């Protein structure tokens, strides 16, 4: 019996890392590189949820914690469009993708070093400065990621590829978070965070190596354009974007939904620490619950998309995810938050899949990077306003009501998706 179980498990692992039958366009080697890259990202990104916690324990105020969201949003809003146009002119964006990933993930290691060598007050400023610099490769990465994954998978393989990748990432993240949470609670502060951040950043090297091995077709040679004024360039860009009506409609609705999520993001870690007195171990359990159930979510929503279509997945996941900050905001103890985080993990999985799929099916193949950058810019704008409002709302309303307000904004986005006429969106064309 044990032998049979081992064979079944090994067969499942082999099939999981192999090319799915439903996605014949996915290159076998690319597929495996994407999955192993996810292991490195999952390992390094374990430090993400503990970064605002670290700042909070160092004595940072709500505004300073909010800067972790505000800075990449500001940089992204300013640079996303010019970087998108720049990347579109590159012969191949894989080097930009892999080096940007390395720069972001190694920043976790440098965070640990700053806490090691600087006093607490200076460490707060140092960490904020470090992640301010990291926002540049972060912006490049966010654009490259969508373009690269879309070119690897094609229109038929997006759900399949991303469900495999994100479930592996979630499993790695959950496993690492379990160990990290135990370690952080058993070792004195700040040594615990120093060691933790430096250790997990090694995942960046794994990610860099395997992401750099991805092979996609080179971009076609660019026709030299006649130089025009900035005004003419801006008008031309707006016209290019605006003529894609399905794209514009989708990103505005997504903007409303994500504005609520962005408002909740800086409030959640502070609520965990200050309102319900969560220890590092409990915070790790919240992360583990979310990242464990997200794996199940990818299986579930991939199956649901085949049976009921992406619109049903879109409506279910936007509603479900909207409820998470509301439920946390009414919680007075930490243990219910673990349960809510687990439920939210299921909905987040589907949300990641459907937002990626719905966006890429509306992006013209000959302007991949430009349109992705436009979508990212709008998303960044929501992330600029939210961190600035979070400290004000938390003072006026309290952390709990502020979280409920954030959930309410996301529900407005859900309602807009409900009111949208259901009609098939033709694939804009995918270069594979």
Protein backbone atom coordinates (compact mmCIF):
# COMPACT_ATOMS: atom_id res chain seq x y z
CA UNK A 1 0.00 0.00 0.00
CA UNK A 2 2.78 2.42 0.90
CA UNK A 3 4.53 1.63 -2.38
CA UNK A 4 1.36 2.45 -4.28
CA UNK A 5 0.98 5.73 -2.40
CA UNK A 6 4.57 6.70 -3.17
CA UNK A 7 4.05 5.88 -6.82
CA UNK A 8 0.86 7.95 -6.92
CA UNK A 9 2.57 10.91 -5.25
CA UNK A 10 5.62 10.73 -7.52
CA UNK A 11 3.36 10.44 -10.58
CA UNK A 12 1.38 13.49 -9.46
CA UNK A 13 4.58 15.52 -8.93
CA UNK A 14 5.89 14.49 -12.35
CA UNK A 15 2.63 15.47 -14.06
CA UNK A 16 2.49 18.74 -12.15
CA UNK A 17 5.90 19.80 -13.42
CA UNK A 18 5.19 18.46 -16.90
CA UNK A 19 3.33 20.19 -19.70
CA UNK A 20 -0.46 19.94 -19.21
CA UNK A 21 -2.34 18.17 -21.98
CA UNK A 22 -4.72 21.09 -22.24
CA UNK A 23 -1.95 23.52 -23.02
CA UNK A 24 -0.04 22.15 -26.04
CA UNK A 25 1.52 25.49 -26.90
CA UNK A 26 3.54 25.63 -23.72
CA UNK A 27 7.15 24.74 -24.32
CA UNK A 28 8.21 21.86 -22.06
CA UNK A 29 11.43 23.45 -20.85
CA UNK A 30 9.80 26.85 -20.36
CA UNK A 31 7.05 25.29 -18.30
CA UNK A 32 9.50 23.62 -15.92
CA UNK A 33 11.62 26.75 -15.61
CA UNK A 34 8.52 28.75 -14.69
CA UNK A 35 7.60 26.26 -11.96
CA UNK A 36 11.08 26.09 -10.42
CA UNK A 37 11.31 29.88 -10.62
CA UNK A 38 8.12 29.90 -8.54
CA UNK A 39 9.91 27.93 -5.80
CA UNK A 40 12.58 30.62 -5.57
CA UNK A 41 9.98 33.40 -5.54
CA UNK A 42 7.93 31.58 -2.90
CA UNK A 43 11.00 31.20 -0.67
CA UNK A 44 12.11 34.83 -0.95
CA UNK A 45 8.64 36.39 -0.80
CA UNK A 46 8.07 34.79 2.61
CA UNK A 47 9.63 37.97 3.92
CA UNK A 48 6.89 40.12 2.34
CA UNK A 49 4.20 39.82 5.05
CA UNK A 50 6.83 40.25 7.77
CA UNK A 51 8.21 43.48 6.28
CA UNK A 52 5.41 45.79 7.59
CA UNK A 53 5.44 43.77 10.83
CA UNK A 54 9.18 44.43 11.17
CA UNK A 55 8.66 48.17 10.65
CA UNK A 56 5.81 48.16 13.20
CA UNK A 57 8.00 46.41 15.80
CA UNK A 58 10.82 48.89 15.09
CA UNK A 59 8.40 51.68 16.06
CA UNK A 60 7.23 52.89 12.63
CA UNK A 61 3.93 54.80 12.54
CA UNK A 62 1.00 54.06 10.21
CA UNK A 63 2.21 56.53 7.57
CA UNK A 64 5.69 54.98 7.47
CA UNK A 65 4.25 51.48 7.11
CA UNK A 66 1.96 52.79 4.37
CA UNK A 67 5.03 54.00 2.47
CA UNK A 68 5.77 50.36 1.58
CA UNK A 69 2.66 50.48 -0.60
CA UNK A 70 2.88 54.14 -1.60
CA UNK A 71 6.46 54.14 -2.95
CA UNK A 72 6.15 51.36 -5.53
CA UNK A 73 2.80 52.82 -6.54
CA UNK A 74 4.26 56.29 -7.12
CA UNK A 75 7.26 54.92 -9.02
CA UNK A 76 5.01 52.65 -11.06
CA UNK A 77 2.58 55.44 -11.93
CA UNK A 78 5.46 57.65 -13.14
CA UNK A 79 7.54 55.01 -14.89
CA UNK A 80 5.19 52.21 -16.00
CA UNK A 81 4.19 53.74 -19.35
CA UNK A 82 7.70 54.88 -20.45
CA UNK A 83 9.16 51.56 -19.23
CA UNK A 84 6.44 49.65 -21.09
CA UNK A 85 7.24 51.51 -24.32
CA UNK A 86 10.96 50.95 -23.72
CA UNK A 87 10.51 47.20 -23.11
CA UNK A 88 8.44 46.93 -26.27
CA UNK A 89 11.49 48.03 -28.28
CA UNK A 90 13.81 45.42 -26.71
CA UNK A 91 14.66 42.45 -28.86
CA UNK A 92 14.07 40.12 -25.89
CA UNK A 93 12.83 41.07 -22.42
CA UNK A 94 13.91 37.91 -20.58
CA UNK A 95 17.16 39.49 -19.25
CA UNK A 96 15.14 42.44 -17.98
CA UNK A 97 12.65 40.06 -16.39
CA UNK A 98 15.24 37.91 -14.58
CA UNK A 99 17.51 40.75 -13.39
CA UNK A 100 14.52 42.75 -12.14
CA UNK A 101 13.36 39.69 -10.20
CA UNK A 102 16.83 39.29 -8.68
CA UNK A 103 16.93 42.96 -7.64
CA UNK A 104 13.55 42.81 -5.90
CA UNK A 105 14.11 39.52 -4.06
CA UNK A 106 17.63 40.34 -2.88
CA UNK A 107 16.17 43.46 -1.27
CA UNK A 108 14.84 41.19 1.50
CA UNK A 109 18.43 40.18 2.31
CA UNK A 110 19.56 43.81 2.37
CA UNK A 111 16.64 44.56 4.72
CA UNK A 112 18.07 42.07 7.21
CA UNK A 113 21.52 43.64 6.88
CA UNK A 114 20.15 47.13 7.55
CA UNK A 115 18.48 45.93 10.77
CA UNK A 116 21.79 44.28 11.70
CA UNK A 117 23.99 47.35 11.26
CA UNK A 118 21.70 50.32 11.96
CA UNK A 119 19.96 51.47 15.16
CA UNK A 120 16.19 51.08 15.16
CA UNK A 121 15.29 54.68 14.21
CA UNK A 122 17.80 54.72 11.36
CA UNK A 123 16.81 51.21 10.29
CA UNK A 124 13.24 52.41 9.56
CA UNK A 125 14.51 55.12 7.22
CA UNK A 126 17.07 52.75 5.71
CA UNK A 127 14.46 50.09 4.96
CA UNK A 128 12.10 52.64 3.42
CA UNK A 129 14.98 54.03 1.31
CA UNK A 130 15.98 50.53 0.18
CA UNK A 131 12.49 49.63 -0.93
CA UNK A 132 12.13 53.03 -2.60
CA UNK A 133 15.07 52.07 -4.84
CA UNK A 134 13.63 48.55 -5.32
CA UNK A 135 10.48 50.06 -6.81
CA UNK A 136 12.27 50.55 -10.16
CA UNK A 137 13.03 46.85 -10.78
CA UNK A 138 9.63 46.10 -9.21
CA UNK A 139 7.92 48.15 -11.93
CA UNK A 140 9.96 46.49 -14.69
CA UNK A 141 9.13 43.09 -13.23
CA UNK A 142 5.37 43.70 -13.05
CA UNK A 143 5.28 44.59 -16.76
CA UNK A 144 7.62 41.82 -17.90
CA UNK A 145 5.84 39.14 -15.88
CA UNK A 146 2.48 39.48 -17.66
CA UNK A 147 4.09 39.67 -21.09
CA UNK A 148 6.44 36.71 -20.51
CA UNK A 149 3.79 34.42 -18.99
CA UNK A 150 1.36 35.24 -21.77
CA UNK A 151 3.91 34.46 -24.47
CA UNK A 152 4.81 31.16 -22.81
CA UNK A 153 1.25 29.95 -22.31
CA UNK A 154 -0.78 31.48 -25.09
CA UNK A 155 -4.54 31.96 -24.88
CA UNK A 156 -5.40 28.31 -24.15
CA UNK A 157 -2.75 27.76 -21.51
CA UNK A 158 -2.99 30.82 -19.26
CA UNK A 159 -5.22 29.30 -16.56
CA UNK A 160 -3.25 26.06 -16.62
CA UNK A 161 0.21 27.60 -16.46
CA UNK A 162 -0.62 30.15 -13.79
CA UNK A 163 -2.54 27.70 -11.59
CA UNK A 164 0.51 25.41 -11.58
CA UNK A 165 2.92 28.27 -10.94
CA UNK A 166 0.96 30.03 -8.23
CA UNK A 167 0.07 26.82 -6.40
CA UNK A 168 3.76 25.84 -6.25
CA UNK A 169 4.61 29.36 -5.10
CA UNK A 170 1.88 29.20 -2.43
CA UNK A 171 3.01 25.81 -1.16
CA UNK A 172 6.64 26.97 -0.94
CA UNK A 173 5.58 30.17 0.75
CA UNK A 174 3.36 28.37 3.28
CA UNK A 175 6.07 25.82 4.14
CA UNK A 176 8.69 28.52 4.59
CA UNK A 177 6.31 30.72 6.60
CA UNK A 178 5.64 27.85 9.03
CA UNK A 179 9.36 27.56 9.73
CA UNK A 180 9.85 31.33 9.78
CA UNK A 181 6.99 31.89 12.24
CA UNK A 182 8.40 29.32 14.68
CA UNK A 183 11.88 30.82 14.34
CA UNK A 184 10.74 34.42 14.79
CA UNK A 185 8.88 33.58 18.00
CA UNK A 186 11.78 31.61 19.52
CA UNK A 187 14.64 34.01 18.75
CA UNK A 188 14.95 37.46 20.28
CA UNK A 189 14.08 40.59 18.28
CA UNK A 190 15.70 41.99 16.12
CA UNK A 191 18.12 39.07 15.55
CA UNK A 192 15.19 36.87 14.48
CA UNK A 193 14.21 39.19 11.63
CA UNK A 194 17.82 39.75 10.60
CA UNK A 195 18.47 36.05 10.09
CA UNK A 196 15.04 35.40 8.56
CA UNK A 197 15.26 38.11 5.87
CA UNK A 198 18.85 37.27 4.91
CA UNK A 199 18.06 33.55 4.65
CA UNK A 200 14.89 33.76 2.55
CA UNK A 201 16.51 36.17 0.07
CA UNK A 202 18.59 33.26 -1.28
CA UNK A 203 15.42 32.30 -3.16
CA UNK A 204 16.18 35.26 -5.42
CA UNK A 205 19.25 33.43 -6.81
CA UNK A 206 17.13 30.34 -7.63
CA UNK A 207 14.54 32.52 -9.29
CA UNK A 208 17.13 34.44 -11.30
CA UNK A 209 18.82 31.30 -12.61
CA UNK A 210 15.68 29.56 -13.85
CA UNK A 211 13.84 32.66 -15.06
CA UNK A 212 16.87 33.59 -17.17
CA UNK A 213 16.57 30.17 -18.91
CA UNK A 214 13.09 30.95 -20.26
CA UNK A 215 13.02 31.23 -24.06
CA UNK A 216 10.44 33.31 -25.91
CA UNK A 217 10.40 34.61 -29.50
CA UNK A 218 12.27 37.83 -30.16
CA UNK A 219 10.22 40.93 -30.77
CA UNK A 220 9.96 41.92 -34.44
CA UNK A 221 12.37 44.67 -35.52
CA UNK A 222 11.09 48.09 -34.61
CA UNK A 223 10.44 50.66 -37.31
CA UNK A 224 12.22 53.89 -36.50
CA UNK A 225 9.63 56.47 -35.60
CA UNK A 226 9.72 60.12 -36.54
CA UNK A 227 10.40 62.24 -33.48
CA UNK A 228 7.35 64.13 -32.26
CA UNK A 229 6.60 66.46 -29.37
CA UNK A 230 5.62 65.13 -25.97
CA UNK A 231 2.09 66.43 -26.52
CA UNK A 232 1.75 64.55 -29.81
CA UNK A 233 3.15 61.39 -28.20
CA UNK A 234 0.65 61.66 -25.33
CA UNK A 235 -2.30 62.18 -27.70
CA UNK A 236 -1.20 59.23 -29.84
CA UNK A 237 -0.84 57.04 -26.76
CA UNK A 238 -4.29 57.94 -25.42
CA UNK A 239 -5.88 57.24 -28.80
CA UNK A 240 -4.11 53.87 -29.01
CA UNK A 241 -5.42 52.84 -25.58
CA UNK A 242 -8.92 54.33 -25.91
CA UNK A 243 -9.77 52.55 -29.14
CA UNK A 244 -9.60 49.23 -27.28
CA UNK A 245 -12.98 49.62 -25.57
CA UNK A 246 -13.09 46.20 -23.83
CA UNK A 247 -9.63 46.86 -22.37
CA UNK A 248 -10.59 50.31 -21.04
CA UNK A 249 -13.85 49.04 -19.54
CA UNK A 250 -12.14 46.18 -17.74
CA UNK A 251 -9.24 48.15 -16.24
CA UNK A 252 -11.53 50.84 -14.83
CA UNK A 253 -13.69 48.29 -13.04
CA UNK A 254 -10.55 46.53 -11.82
CA UNK A 255 -9.25 49.91 -10.63
CA UNK A 256 -12.28 50.40 -8.34
CA UNK A 257 -11.98 46.89 -6.94
CA UNK A 258 -8.24 47.11 -6.34
CA UNK A 259 -8.60 50.53 -4.68
CA UNK A 260 -10.39 48.80 -1.82
CA UNK A 261 -7.71 46.11 -1.62
CA UNK A 262 -4.97 48.76 -1.67
CA UNK A 263 -6.64 50.65 1.18
CA UNK A 264 -6.79 47.49 3.28
CA UNK A 265 -3.18 46.45 2.59
CA UNK A 266 -1.37 48.83 5.02
CA UNK A 267 -4.12 48.51 7.65
CA UNK A 268 -4.11 44.71 7.96
CA UNK A 269 -0.60 44.15 9.47
CA UNK A 270 -1.08 47.01 11.94
CA UNK A 271 -4.50 45.63 12.90
CA UNK A 272 -2.90 42.22 13.51
CA UNK A 273 -0.20 43.64 15.81
CA UNK A 274 -1.97 46.49 17.62
CA UNK A 275 -5.66 45.59 17.69
CA UNK A 276 -5.70 41.82 18.18
CA UNK A 277 -2.13 41.47 19.56
CA UNK A 278 -1.01 38.80 17.09
CA UNK A 279 2.45 37.33 17.68
CA UNK A 280 4.84 36.55 14.81
CA UNK A 281 3.72 32.93 15.08
CA UNK A 282 0.06 33.84 14.63
CA UNK A 283 0.93 36.15 11.74
CA UNK A 284 2.79 33.23 10.17
CA UNK A 285 -0.33 31.07 10.67
CA UNK A 286 -2.42 33.70 8.86
CA UNK A 287 0.04 33.59 5.98
CA UNK A 288 0.13 29.78 6.02
CA UNK A 289 -3.68 29.55 5.98
CA UNK A 290 -3.89 31.88 3.00
CA UNK A 291 -1.07 30.20 1.07
CA UNK A 292 -2.25 26.66 1.77
CA UNK A 293 -5.84 27.18 0.68
CA UNK A 294 -4.71 29.17 -2.34
CA UNK A 295 -3.27 25.93 -3.72
CA UNK A 296 -6.69 24.29 -3.52
CA UNK A 297 -8.19 27.43 -5.00
CA UNK A 298 -6.10 27.16 -8.17
CA UNK A 299 -7.35 23.61 -8.76
CA UNK A 300 -10.95 24.59 -8.03
CA UNK A 301 -11.13 27.77 -10.12
CA UNK A 302 -9.28 26.27 -13.09
CA UNK A 303 -11.95 23.55 -13.16
CA UNK A 304 -14.74 26.11 -12.70
CA UNK A 305 -13.45 28.22 -15.58
CA UNK A 306 -13.71 25.21 -17.90
CA UNK A 307 -17.23 24.36 -16.69
CA UNK A 308 -18.84 27.77 -16.18
CA UNK A 309 -16.55 30.24 -17.95
CA UNK A 310 -14.32 33.04 -16.70
CA UNK A 311 -17.16 35.49 -15.99
CA UNK A 312 -18.61 33.23 -13.29
CA UNK A 313 -15.14 32.96 -11.75
CA UNK A 314 -14.70 36.75 -11.96
CA UNK A 315 -17.95 37.50 -10.11
CA UNK A 316 -17.48 34.83 -7.43
CA UNK A 317 -13.90 35.78 -6.62
CA UNK A 318 -14.38 39.56 -6.58
CA UNK A 319 -17.28 39.17 -4.14
CA UNK A 320 -15.45 36.66 -1.94
CA UNK A 321 -12.24 38.70 -1.75
CA UNK A 322 -14.19 41.87 -0.94
CA UNK A 323 -15.50 40.29 2.26
CA UNK A 324 -12.07 39.54 3.78
CA UNK A 325 -11.18 43.02 5.15
CA UNK A 326 -14.76 43.38 6.43
CA UNK A 327 -14.59 40.11 8.36
CA UNK A 328 -11.14 40.98 9.75
CA UNK A 329 -12.40 44.42 10.77
CA UNK A 330 -15.11 42.93 12.99
CA UNK A 331 -12.78 40.33 14.56
CA UNK A 332 -11.62 40.93 18.11
CA UNK A 333 -9.41 37.82 18.33
CA UNK A 334 -6.68 36.44 16.12
CA UNK A 335 -7.95 32.87 15.58
CA UNK A 336 -10.98 33.83 13.43
CA UNK A 337 -8.64 35.84 11.20
CA UNK A 338 -6.72 32.64 10.42
CA UNK A 339 -9.99 31.05 9.22
CA UNK A 340 -10.93 34.14 7.18
CA UNK A 341 -7.44 34.22 5.64
CA UNK A 342 -7.87 30.60 4.61
CA UNK A 343 -11.18 31.36 2.91
CA UNK A 344 -9.71 34.45 1.28
CA UNK A 345 -6.85 32.33 -0.05
CA UNK A 346 -9.34 30.30 -2.11
CA UNK A 347 -10.90 33.43 -3.61
CA UNK A 348 -7.52 35.13 -4.14
CA UNK A 349 -6.38 32.17 -6.24
CA UNK A 350 -9.28 32.58 -8.63
CA UNK A 351 -8.91 36.36 -8.62
CA UNK A 352 -5.25 36.11 -9.66
CA UNK A 353 -6.11 33.71 -12.48
CA UNK A 354 -9.13 35.53 -13.84
CA UNK A 355 -7.66 39.05 -13.62
CA UNK A 356 -4.58 37.89 -15.52
CA UNK A 357 -6.62 36.02 -18.13
CA UNK A 358 -9.23 38.75 -18.61
CA UNK A 359 -6.53 41.41 -18.97
CA UNK A 360 -4.37 39.51 -21.46
CA UNK A 361 -7.28 38.56 -23.72
CA UNK A 362 -7.95 42.31 -24.12
CA UNK A 363 -4.31 43.25 -24.85
CA UNK A 364 -3.31 43.58 -28.54
CA UNK A 365 -0.47 41.21 -29.45
CA UNK A 366 1.56 43.95 -31.16
CA UNK A 367 1.47 46.23 -28.10
CA UNK A 368 1.75 43.78 -25.21
CA UNK A 369 4.08 45.77 -22.95
CA UNK A 370 2.44 49.14 -23.66
CA UNK A 371 -1.07 47.98 -22.73
CA UNK A 372 0.10 46.03 -19.69
CA UNK A 373 1.94 49.18 -18.56
CA UNK A 374 -1.25 51.23 -18.99
CA UNK A 375 -3.19 48.74 -16.86
CA UNK A 376 -0.44 48.77 -14.25
CA UNK A 377 -0.40 52.58 -14.17
CA UNK A 378 -4.08 52.72 -13.31
CA UNK A 379 -3.55 50.09 -10.63
CA UNK A 380 -0.65 52.11 -9.21
CA UNK A 381 -2.83 55.22 -9.00
CA UNK A 382 -5.16 53.39 -6.63
CA UNK A 383 -2.16 52.33 -4.58
CA UNK A 384 -0.95 55.95 -4.30
CA UNK A 385 -4.13 57.33 -2.79
CA UNK A 386 -4.89 54.42 -0.49
CA UNK A 387 -1.77 54.52 1.74
CA UNK A 388 -2.22 58.25 2.23
CA UNK A 389 -5.86 57.77 3.24
CA UNK A 390 -5.21 54.76 5.48
CA UNK A 391 -3.60 56.70 8.40
CA UNK A 392 -6.31 59.38 8.24
CA UNK A 393 -9.18 56.89 8.18
CA UNK A 394 -7.64 54.76 10.95
CA UNK A 395 -7.46 57.86 13.19
CA UNK A 396 -10.97 59.07 12.36
CA UNK A 397 -12.82 55.77 12.23
CA UNK A 398 -10.52 53.25 13.92
CA UNK A 399 -8.77 50.34 12.23
CA UNK A 400 -11.81 48.04 12.21
CA UNK A 401 -14.25 50.46 10.49
CA UNK A 402 -11.49 51.55 8.07
CA UNK A 403 -11.04 47.92 7.00
CA UNK A 404 -14.80 47.56 6.53
CA UNK A 405 -14.80 50.70 4.36
CA UNK A 406 -12.00 49.19 2.24
CA UNK A 407 -14.07 46.05 1.73
CA UNK A 408 -17.06 48.19 0.77
CA UNK A 409 -15.07 49.91 -1.99
CA UNK A 410 -14.12 46.53 -3.43
CA UNK A 411 -17.78 45.50 -3.35
CA UNK A 412 -18.55 48.53 -5.55
CA UNK A 413 -16.08 47.09 -8.08
CA UNK A 414 -17.86 43.74 -7.85
CA UNK A 415 -21.22 45.42 -8.53
CA UNK A 416 -19.78 47.12 -11.64
CA UNK A 417 -18.64 43.73 -12.95
CA UNK A 418 -22.16 42.35 -12.28
CA UNK A 419 -23.77 45.21 -14.21
CA UNK A 420 -21.45 44.72 -17.18
CA UNK A 421 -23.09 43.09 -20.17
CA UNK A 422 -21.92 39.54 -20.55
CA UNK A 423 -20.46 39.15 -24.03
CA UNK A 424 -17.55 37.11 -25.34
CA UNK A 425 -14.29 39.01 -25.70
CA UNK A 426 -12.35 37.92 -28.78
CA UNK A 427 -8.72 37.09 -28.16
CA UNK A 428 -6.70 40.09 -29.33
CA UNK A 429 -4.06 37.80 -30.72
CA UNK A 430 -1.17 36.23 -28.86
CA UNK A 431 2.37 35.92 -30.06
CA UNK A 432 3.65 32.47 -29.19
